[in-house]
Protein backbone atom coordinates (compact mmCIF):
# COMPACT_ATOMS: atom_id res chain seq x y z
CA MET A 1 128.05 96.17 -42.19
CA ASN A 2 128.62 95.04 -38.58
CA ILE A 3 131.46 92.50 -38.34
CA CYS A 4 132.94 90.73 -35.33
CA LEU A 5 136.18 88.82 -35.38
CA ILE A 6 137.17 86.40 -32.64
CA HIS A 7 140.42 84.67 -31.72
CA TYR A 8 142.20 83.60 -28.53
CA ALA A 9 144.39 86.73 -28.70
CA ALA A 10 144.59 89.94 -30.77
CA PRO A 11 147.21 92.58 -31.51
CA PRO A 12 149.50 93.76 -30.04
CA VAL A 13 150.04 90.12 -29.07
CA ILE A 14 152.60 88.76 -31.49
CA GLY A 15 151.55 85.80 -33.63
CA GLY A 16 150.64 84.78 -37.15
CA VAL A 17 146.87 84.63 -36.72
CA GLU A 18 146.97 87.73 -34.48
CA SER A 19 148.70 89.63 -37.30
CA VAL A 20 146.16 88.43 -39.88
CA ILE A 21 143.06 89.36 -37.86
CA GLY A 22 144.65 92.76 -37.20
CA GLU A 23 145.03 93.32 -40.94
CA HIS A 24 141.51 92.04 -41.68
CA ALA A 25 140.07 94.35 -39.07
CA ARG A 26 142.02 97.33 -40.41
CA LEU A 27 140.92 96.67 -44.00
CA MET A 28 137.26 96.31 -42.98
CA ALA A 29 137.38 99.53 -40.97
CA GLU A 30 139.01 101.40 -43.81
CA HIS A 31 136.06 100.30 -45.98
CA ASP A 32 133.55 101.82 -43.47
CA HIS A 33 132.42 98.65 -41.75
CA LYS A 34 131.72 98.57 -38.03
CA VAL A 35 134.38 96.23 -36.71
CA THR A 36 134.81 94.57 -33.30
CA LEU A 37 137.70 92.38 -32.23
CA ILE A 38 136.89 89.84 -29.50
CA ALA A 39 139.82 88.13 -27.76
CA GLY A 40 141.08 86.92 -24.40
CA ARG A 41 144.32 88.88 -24.69
CA GLY A 42 145.20 92.10 -26.53
CA GLU A 43 144.10 95.70 -26.48
CA GLN A 44 142.65 98.41 -28.67
CA THR A 45 145.24 99.48 -31.21
CA ASP A 46 143.06 101.37 -33.61
CA GLU A 47 140.42 103.91 -32.61
CA ARG A 48 138.18 102.73 -35.54
CA ILE A 49 138.12 99.15 -34.22
CA GLN A 50 136.37 98.28 -30.94
CA PHE A 51 138.25 95.78 -28.79
CA VAL A 52 136.27 93.57 -26.38
CA LYS A 53 138.40 91.58 -23.94
CA MET A 54 136.86 88.30 -22.77
CA PRO A 55 139.29 86.42 -20.52
CA LEU A 56 137.44 83.11 -21.04
CA VAL A 57 138.13 83.28 -24.78
CA ASP A 58 141.88 83.09 -24.07
CA SER A 59 143.64 79.79 -24.61
CA ARG A 60 145.77 80.58 -21.50
CA ASP A 61 143.04 81.57 -19.03
CA LYS A 62 143.55 79.60 -15.79
CA ASP A 63 140.05 78.14 -15.74
CA ILE A 64 140.25 77.16 -19.42
CA LEU A 65 143.63 75.44 -18.76
CA VAL A 66 142.11 73.37 -15.97
CA ILE A 67 139.31 72.27 -18.29
CA LYS A 68 141.75 71.59 -21.15
CA LYS A 69 143.84 69.30 -19.03
CA GLU A 70 140.80 67.10 -18.40
CA LEU A 71 139.66 67.23 -22.00
CA ASP A 72 143.12 66.23 -23.22
CA HIS A 73 142.73 63.02 -21.24
CA GLY A 74 139.32 62.32 -22.76
CA ARG A 75 137.28 63.53 -19.78
CA ILE A 76 134.61 66.22 -19.86
CA PRO A 77 134.97 68.02 -16.55
CA ASP A 78 131.88 68.91 -14.51
CA GLY A 79 132.41 72.61 -15.01
CA PHE A 80 132.57 72.50 -18.78
CA LYS A 81 128.85 73.21 -19.49
CA LYS A 82 128.85 76.07 -17.00
CA ILE A 83 131.79 77.80 -18.67
CA VAL A 84 130.32 77.21 -22.12
CA ASP A 85 127.08 78.90 -20.99
CA GLN A 86 129.07 81.77 -19.47
CA ILE A 87 131.05 82.32 -22.68
CA LYS A 88 127.91 82.06 -24.76
CA SER A 89 126.17 84.69 -22.66
CA GLN A 90 129.12 87.09 -22.90
CA LEU A 91 129.42 86.62 -26.66
CA LEU A 92 125.73 87.26 -27.28
CA GLU A 93 125.98 90.59 -25.58
CA VAL A 94 128.48 91.63 -28.30
CA VAL A 95 127.54 89.68 -31.45
CA SER A 96 123.77 89.44 -31.42
CA GLU A 97 123.40 92.47 -33.72
CA ALA A 98 126.39 91.62 -35.94
CA ASP A 99 125.97 90.63 -39.58
CA TRP A 100 129.07 88.39 -39.50
CA LEU A 101 131.04 86.61 -36.81
CA ILE A 102 134.38 85.50 -38.21
CA ALA A 103 136.05 82.89 -36.02
CA HIS A 104 139.82 82.50 -36.63
CA ASN A 105 141.18 79.11 -35.61
CA VAL A 106 138.91 78.75 -32.55
CA CYS A 107 136.82 76.22 -34.48
CA SER A 108 139.93 74.47 -35.83
CA LEU A 109 142.05 73.89 -32.75
CA ASN A 110 141.41 72.38 -29.32
CA LYS A 111 143.07 75.26 -27.44
CA ASN A 112 139.71 76.28 -25.94
CA LEU A 113 136.90 73.92 -26.76
CA ALA A 114 134.53 75.79 -24.47
CA VAL A 115 134.65 78.75 -26.90
CA THR A 116 134.09 76.37 -29.77
CA ALA A 117 131.06 74.82 -28.11
CA ALA A 118 129.62 78.24 -27.29
CA LEU A 119 129.97 79.37 -30.88
CA LYS A 120 128.37 76.20 -32.15
CA GLN A 121 125.33 76.74 -29.94
CA ILE A 122 125.00 80.36 -31.02
CA SER A 123 125.16 79.30 -34.71
CA GLU A 124 122.38 76.78 -34.17
CA GLU A 125 120.08 78.87 -31.98
CA HIS A 126 120.26 82.36 -33.49
CA LEU A 127 119.61 83.80 -36.94
CA ARG A 128 122.37 86.39 -36.43
CA PRO A 129 125.24 86.67 -36.84
CA HIS A 130 126.19 84.61 -39.89
CA PHE A 131 129.32 82.57 -39.30
CA ILE A 132 132.60 82.36 -41.15
CA LEU A 133 134.96 79.70 -39.79
CA TRP A 134 138.45 80.73 -40.79
CA HIS A 135 140.95 77.87 -40.53
CA HIS A 136 144.67 78.54 -40.43
CA ASP A 137 145.56 75.27 -38.59
CA LEU A 138 143.70 72.00 -38.15
CA ALA A 139 144.10 70.03 -34.90
CA TRP A 140 142.74 66.79 -36.35
CA THR A 141 145.28 66.67 -39.19
CA THR A 142 148.31 67.76 -37.12
CA PRO A 143 150.16 64.85 -35.44
CA ARG A 144 151.20 66.83 -32.38
CA TYR A 145 147.59 67.32 -31.34
CA ARG A 146 146.32 63.79 -31.92
CA SER A 147 146.89 62.57 -28.34
CA GLU A 148 144.68 65.39 -27.10
CA LEU A 149 141.68 64.56 -29.39
CA HIS A 150 139.02 61.98 -28.69
CA ASN A 151 135.83 60.66 -30.22
CA GLY A 152 132.57 62.46 -29.58
CA TYR A 153 131.61 65.85 -28.21
CA PRO A 154 133.21 68.37 -27.87
CA TRP A 155 136.21 67.21 -29.91
CA ASP A 156 134.06 66.37 -32.91
CA LEU A 157 133.13 70.09 -33.27
CA LEU A 158 136.51 70.41 -34.94
CA SER A 159 135.94 67.61 -37.40
CA THR A 160 132.32 67.99 -38.58
CA ASP A 161 130.85 70.53 -41.01
CA TRP A 162 128.80 73.38 -39.58
CA PRO A 163 126.14 73.54 -42.32
CA ASP A 164 125.13 77.20 -41.94
CA ALA A 165 128.74 78.45 -41.71
CA ILE A 166 131.09 79.44 -44.52
CA GLN A 167 134.30 77.43 -44.29
CA VAL A 168 137.49 79.32 -45.19
CA VAL A 169 141.11 78.16 -45.38
CA VAL A 170 144.31 79.93 -46.34
CA SER A 171 145.67 77.59 -49.02
CA GLU A 172 144.79 74.81 -51.44
CA PRO A 173 146.61 72.14 -49.33
CA ARG A 174 144.59 73.24 -46.30
CA ARG A 175 141.40 73.01 -48.36
CA LYS A 176 142.14 69.40 -49.31
CA GLU A 177 142.96 68.53 -45.65
CA LEU A 178 139.75 70.11 -44.39
CA ALA A 179 137.60 68.58 -47.13
CA ARG A 180 138.85 65.10 -46.22
CA LEU A 181 138.31 65.83 -42.49
CA LEU A 182 134.79 67.16 -42.87
CA LYS A 183 133.88 64.69 -45.64
CA VAL A 184 132.79 67.44 -48.00
CA THR A 185 133.68 68.40 -51.54
CA ASP A 186 136.34 70.98 -52.15
CA ASP A 187 133.89 73.54 -53.40
CA ARG A 188 132.28 73.67 -49.96
CA ILE A 189 135.46 75.44 -48.75
CA ARG A 190 136.72 78.88 -49.81
CA ILE A 191 140.34 79.85 -50.07
CA VAL A 192 141.42 83.27 -48.86
CA PRO A 193 145.22 83.56 -48.70
CA ASN A 194 147.18 85.68 -46.27
CA GLY A 195 148.92 88.77 -47.53
CA VAL A 196 151.66 91.34 -46.93
CA ASP A 197 151.70 95.07 -46.42
CA ALA A 198 154.15 96.28 -49.02
CA ASN A 199 154.32 99.81 -47.59
CA ARG A 200 155.20 98.50 -44.11
CA PHE A 201 157.56 95.81 -45.43
CA TRP A 202 159.52 98.34 -47.43
CA LYS A 203 159.21 100.92 -44.61
CA LEU A 204 158.13 103.50 -47.15
CA ALA A 205 158.10 107.19 -46.22
CA GLY A 206 154.72 108.90 -46.10
CA GLU A 207 155.42 110.82 -49.27
CA THR A 208 156.43 107.64 -51.07
CA GLU A 209 153.14 106.02 -50.06
CA MET A 210 151.30 109.00 -51.50
CA ILE A 211 153.30 108.77 -54.77
CA CYS A 212 152.60 105.03 -55.01
CA ARG A 213 148.93 105.50 -54.36
CA GLN A 214 148.34 108.43 -56.73
CA LEU A 215 150.40 106.95 -59.54
CA ASP A 216 149.30 103.34 -58.86
CA LEU A 217 152.94 102.25 -58.90
CA PHE A 218 152.31 98.82 -57.38
CA SER A 219 150.39 97.81 -60.47
CA SER A 220 153.40 98.61 -62.66
CA ASP A 221 154.71 95.69 -64.67
CA PRO A 222 157.59 96.52 -64.72
CA LEU A 223 158.41 99.73 -62.88
CA ILE A 224 161.38 101.47 -64.48
CA LEU A 225 163.27 104.20 -62.62
CA LEU A 226 164.99 107.10 -64.37
CA PRO A 227 166.40 109.23 -61.49
CA VAL A 228 167.49 112.32 -63.39
CA ARG A 229 166.82 116.01 -63.83
CA ILE A 230 165.06 116.95 -67.02
CA THR A 231 167.91 118.18 -69.13
CA PRO A 232 169.03 117.13 -72.70
CA ARG A 233 172.28 115.42 -71.70
CA LYS A 234 170.28 112.81 -69.78
CA ASN A 235 168.93 111.57 -73.14
CA ILE A 236 165.41 111.08 -71.74
CA GLU A 237 163.90 110.90 -75.25
CA PHE A 238 165.83 107.66 -75.82
CA ALA A 239 164.26 106.20 -72.68
CA LEU A 240 160.78 107.24 -73.95
CA LYS A 241 161.32 105.38 -77.15
CA ILE A 242 162.42 102.25 -75.26
CA LEU A 243 159.33 102.50 -73.14
CA GLY A 244 157.09 102.95 -76.14
CA LYS A 245 158.43 99.68 -77.59
CA LEU A 246 158.36 97.91 -74.23
CA CYS A 247 154.69 98.74 -73.74
CA LYS A 248 153.81 96.61 -76.74
CA GLU A 249 154.86 93.57 -74.62
CA PHE A 250 154.12 94.93 -71.15
CA LYS A 251 150.92 96.94 -71.21
CA ASN A 252 151.33 98.01 -67.58
CA ALA A 253 154.95 99.08 -67.81
CA LYS A 254 155.60 102.40 -66.12
CA MET A 255 158.62 104.66 -66.09
CA ILE A 256 159.07 107.27 -63.35
CA ILE A 257 161.34 110.26 -63.92
CA THR A 258 162.17 111.67 -60.50
CA GLY A 259 163.81 115.05 -61.13
CA PRO A 260 162.57 118.54 -61.94
CA LEU A 261 163.80 120.60 -64.85
CA GLY A 262 167.51 121.32 -64.75
CA PRO A 263 167.93 124.74 -63.06
CA HIS A 264 170.77 126.25 -65.09
CA ASN A 265 169.67 126.15 -68.73
CA PRO A 266 166.57 127.98 -69.98
CA ALA A 267 166.43 125.55 -72.93
CA ASN A 268 165.32 122.82 -70.51
CA VAL A 269 161.79 124.19 -70.70
CA GLN A 270 161.67 123.58 -74.45
CA TYR A 271 163.25 120.15 -73.88
CA TYR A 272 160.53 119.20 -71.43
CA GLU A 273 157.86 120.30 -73.90
CA ARG A 274 159.43 118.07 -76.56
CA LEU A 275 159.32 115.16 -74.12
CA ILE A 276 155.63 115.76 -73.42
CA ASN A 277 154.93 115.75 -77.14
CA LEU A 278 156.96 112.60 -77.64
CA ARG A 279 155.10 110.92 -74.82
CA ARG A 280 151.84 111.67 -76.69
CA GLU A 281 153.25 110.44 -80.03
CA GLU A 282 154.40 107.20 -78.43
CA GLN A 283 150.94 106.81 -76.80
CA ILE A 284 152.45 106.30 -73.36
CA GLU A 285 150.69 109.07 -71.44
CA ASN A 286 149.69 106.63 -68.74
CA ASN A 287 153.03 104.86 -68.69
CA LEU A 288 155.55 107.72 -68.54
CA LEU A 289 155.38 109.56 -65.21
CA PHE A 290 157.13 112.86 -64.49
CA LEU A 291 157.18 113.43 -60.73
CA THR A 292 157.50 117.14 -61.40
CA GLU A 293 153.88 116.95 -62.50
CA LEU A 294 152.89 115.69 -59.06
CA ILE A 295 155.36 117.24 -56.62
CA ALA A 296 156.83 120.77 -56.81
CA HIS A 297 159.62 120.36 -54.25
CA PRO A 298 162.82 118.25 -54.54
CA LEU A 299 162.48 114.68 -53.31
CA ASP A 300 164.01 113.76 -49.90
CA ASP A 301 166.79 111.21 -50.01
CA GLU A 302 164.59 108.66 -48.22
CA VAL A 303 161.91 108.95 -50.92
CA VAL A 304 164.50 108.44 -53.65
CA ALA A 305 165.83 105.37 -51.85
CA ASP A 306 162.24 104.07 -51.56
CA LEU A 307 161.76 104.45 -55.32
CA TYR A 308 164.87 102.36 -55.94
CA ARG A 309 163.54 99.65 -53.63
CA ILE A 310 160.20 99.38 -55.32
CA SER A 311 161.46 99.63 -58.90
CA ASP A 312 162.46 96.68 -61.11
CA ILE A 313 164.91 98.35 -63.42
CA LEU A 314 167.19 101.37 -63.49
CA LEU A 315 167.28 102.84 -67.00
CA TYR A 316 170.11 105.30 -67.47
CA PRO A 317 170.64 106.46 -71.07
CA SER A 318 172.69 109.51 -70.28
CA LYS A 319 175.01 110.83 -73.03
CA GLU A 320 177.48 112.34 -70.67
CA GLU A 321 178.43 111.72 -67.04
CA GLY A 322 181.48 112.40 -64.90
CA PHE A 323 180.57 109.55 -62.55
CA GLY A 324 177.16 107.91 -62.24
CA ILE A 325 175.86 107.54 -58.69
CA PRO A 326 172.57 105.91 -59.76
CA ILE A 327 174.55 102.82 -60.83
CA LEU A 328 175.80 102.44 -57.25
CA GLU A 329 172.34 103.09 -55.74
CA ALA A 330 170.81 100.50 -58.03
CA GLY A 331 173.48 98.05 -56.92
CA LEU A 332 172.51 98.57 -53.25
CA ALA A 333 168.82 98.28 -54.13
CA GLY A 334 169.52 95.03 -56.04
CA ILE A 335 167.66 95.96 -59.21
CA GLN A 336 168.65 95.36 -62.81
CA VAL A 337 170.53 98.14 -64.65
CA PHE A 338 170.31 99.06 -68.30
CA CYS A 339 172.57 102.01 -69.11
CA ALA A 340 174.40 103.79 -71.85
CA ASP A 341 177.78 102.38 -72.79
CA ILE A 342 179.89 105.38 -71.84
CA PRO A 343 183.23 105.10 -70.00
CA PRO A 344 182.19 106.35 -66.52
CA LEU A 345 179.16 104.02 -66.36
CA ARG A 346 181.12 101.03 -67.64
CA GLU A 347 183.78 101.63 -65.05
CA LEU A 348 181.17 101.52 -62.29
CA GLY A 349 178.94 98.75 -63.65
CA GLY A 350 181.66 96.42 -64.83
CA SER A 351 180.16 93.15 -66.09
CA GLN A 352 177.21 93.37 -63.66
CA VAL A 353 174.97 95.71 -65.75
CA ASN A 354 173.45 95.69 -69.23
CA TYR A 355 174.85 98.26 -71.68
CA PHE A 356 173.47 99.70 -74.89
CA GLY A 357 174.99 102.05 -77.43
CA LEU A 358 173.71 105.58 -77.79
CA GLU A 359 172.99 104.84 -81.45
CA ASP A 360 171.29 101.52 -80.84
CA ASP A 361 167.76 100.89 -82.04
CA PRO A 362 165.42 101.51 -79.06
CA SER A 363 163.32 98.49 -80.10
CA LYS A 364 166.33 96.26 -79.76
CA VAL A 365 167.07 97.60 -76.30
CA ALA A 366 163.45 97.01 -75.39
CA ASP A 367 163.68 93.42 -76.61
CA ARG A 368 166.65 92.89 -74.31
CA VAL A 369 164.72 94.28 -71.36
CA VAL A 370 161.80 92.00 -72.16
CA LYS A 371 164.08 88.90 -72.28
CA SER A 372 165.79 89.90 -69.06
CA LEU A 373 162.53 90.30 -67.23
CA GLN A 374 160.97 87.12 -68.58
CA SER A 375 163.97 85.11 -67.36
CA SER A 376 164.11 86.68 -63.91
CA HIS A 377 162.53 84.59 -61.11
CA ARG A 378 163.07 87.51 -58.74
CA TYR A 379 161.10 89.86 -60.91
CA GLY A 380 158.30 87.32 -61.54
CA LEU A 381 157.83 86.56 -57.88
CA ARG A 382 157.81 90.22 -56.88
CA LYS A 383 155.17 91.00 -59.45
CA ARG A 384 153.03 88.06 -58.43
CA VAL A 385 153.13 89.17 -54.80
CA LEU A 386 152.17 92.75 -55.73
CA ARG A 387 149.43 91.53 -58.05
CA ASP A 388 147.87 88.88 -55.82
CA TYR A 389 149.11 89.04 -52.23
CA THR A 390 149.05 92.62 -50.91
CA TRP A 391 146.41 93.01 -48.21
CA GLU A 392 144.53 95.49 -50.37
CA LYS A 393 144.32 92.89 -53.17
CA ILE A 394 143.34 90.20 -50.67
CA TYR A 395 140.52 92.38 -49.43
CA SER A 396 139.15 93.44 -52.85
CA ASN A 397 139.55 90.02 -54.49
CA HIS A 398 138.54 87.71 -51.64
CA ILE A 399 137.25 89.25 -48.41
CA LEU A 400 134.86 91.80 -49.90
CA PRO A 401 133.05 89.21 -52.06
CA LEU A 402 132.85 86.91 -49.08
CA ILE A 403 131.15 89.33 -46.67
CA ALA A 404 128.90 90.69 -49.46
CA GLU A 405 127.13 87.33 -49.84
CA ARG A 406 124.38 87.89 -47.33
C-alpha cells in the first residue's frame, strides 16, 4: 500500500506529533508499505521512508507567517489563493498515486491554513488518495487560539466535517471535543492512542531485544526472573512448582532462568533433565523458559540488567547461599522479591522482601504472589502499557485495521 503522511515538521525535529508520525512511518515501512513523509522541516532518517521537503507546508515558512498574521486578524490576504494553489500543485505531484494521505494536525490547527485549504480541495476534486485526518490538538476548543479564529472560510475548515475523510483522535476526551465541534456522533470519529517503544525506553541491548522477541516476553503476565545457574542447590524445582500453581491464575505467566548448567558437577546434567520432565508434568512448557535452550554463551552483564528491568518479580528459592547478589540487583531494578528464608538472604532483604520457607507448600507461595500482584498498581499499569500501548500493539490493533478499510 502507498501511504503518505503530512505534518508541518518531521523527525529529526523534536516534538510530540513529529515523534508520533516518525513511529507511524517506521511501523508502516516495517510492514512493507511504501511510505512517504511530507513536511516543511525535517530530513530523511530511515532509508525505507521517502522524505519530501515542502517549505510551504512548514508553519514557520516566512511567506506562511505573513499570511497567518493577516488571517489571525480576520483578513484573507490577496496572496492566499495563490499560495493554496501552489501547495496543492506540489502535493499532487507526490500524493496523486497514494492510497492514503494521513494529515496530522494540519487540519486541526490554524498554524498553516493554506495547507489545510489545499488538502480540502484535493479531497473534493480527486478520487485518490483517501484521507485520514489525525487530530492531536484542536484549535477551536483551545482557548489560546480563539482570538486567531474567525467565522467563515478558511477558519471553518477546522470546525466542519470532511465527509469523505476518516476522522481520528488520540483519546476519548478528544473524541467528545471533536464530535461537539463537528456536530457529529461519536461513532463518526475513531480513536487511535499514541504509544511507547519499550525497547528504546528501557535502552535494551540488541541481544535482549532478540530474547524478548523470540520468547515473546512482553506478553508475559507476570514475568518472573530466576537468575541462577542450573544446579541443585538453587532449588529450581521449587520455583517450577510455584509457577505451575501460579499459571492457574495467570495463564500468561512466564519464568525465565538465565544461567547455563553449573560447570563443576556432572550431576547437573541429570538435574536439568529432571527439571525438563517436571516442566512437562506441570504443563508449563510454554511458561518456563531456560535461556540455555536459546543461547549457548554466557549472558553479558548489560543483558542480565535488562532482564531485571523488564521483569516483575525476582524469585529466588535457593537452599544455600553465602551472599545473594540478585537481591541487591532486584532492589536497584525496583521489582518485587520472593525468596527463601535463609540467613544470608534475610540479612540482605530485611523487611523489604517476601520470604517463604523451604518446606512451604508451593501453592501457598503462589497464592501470596497472586495477592501481591493483584494489589500492585505499579505492576498493573506496567502490564496495561505493554498489553495496549506499545507501538507494535498500536499498529496491529488500530492502524492496520484503519488502512485496510479501502
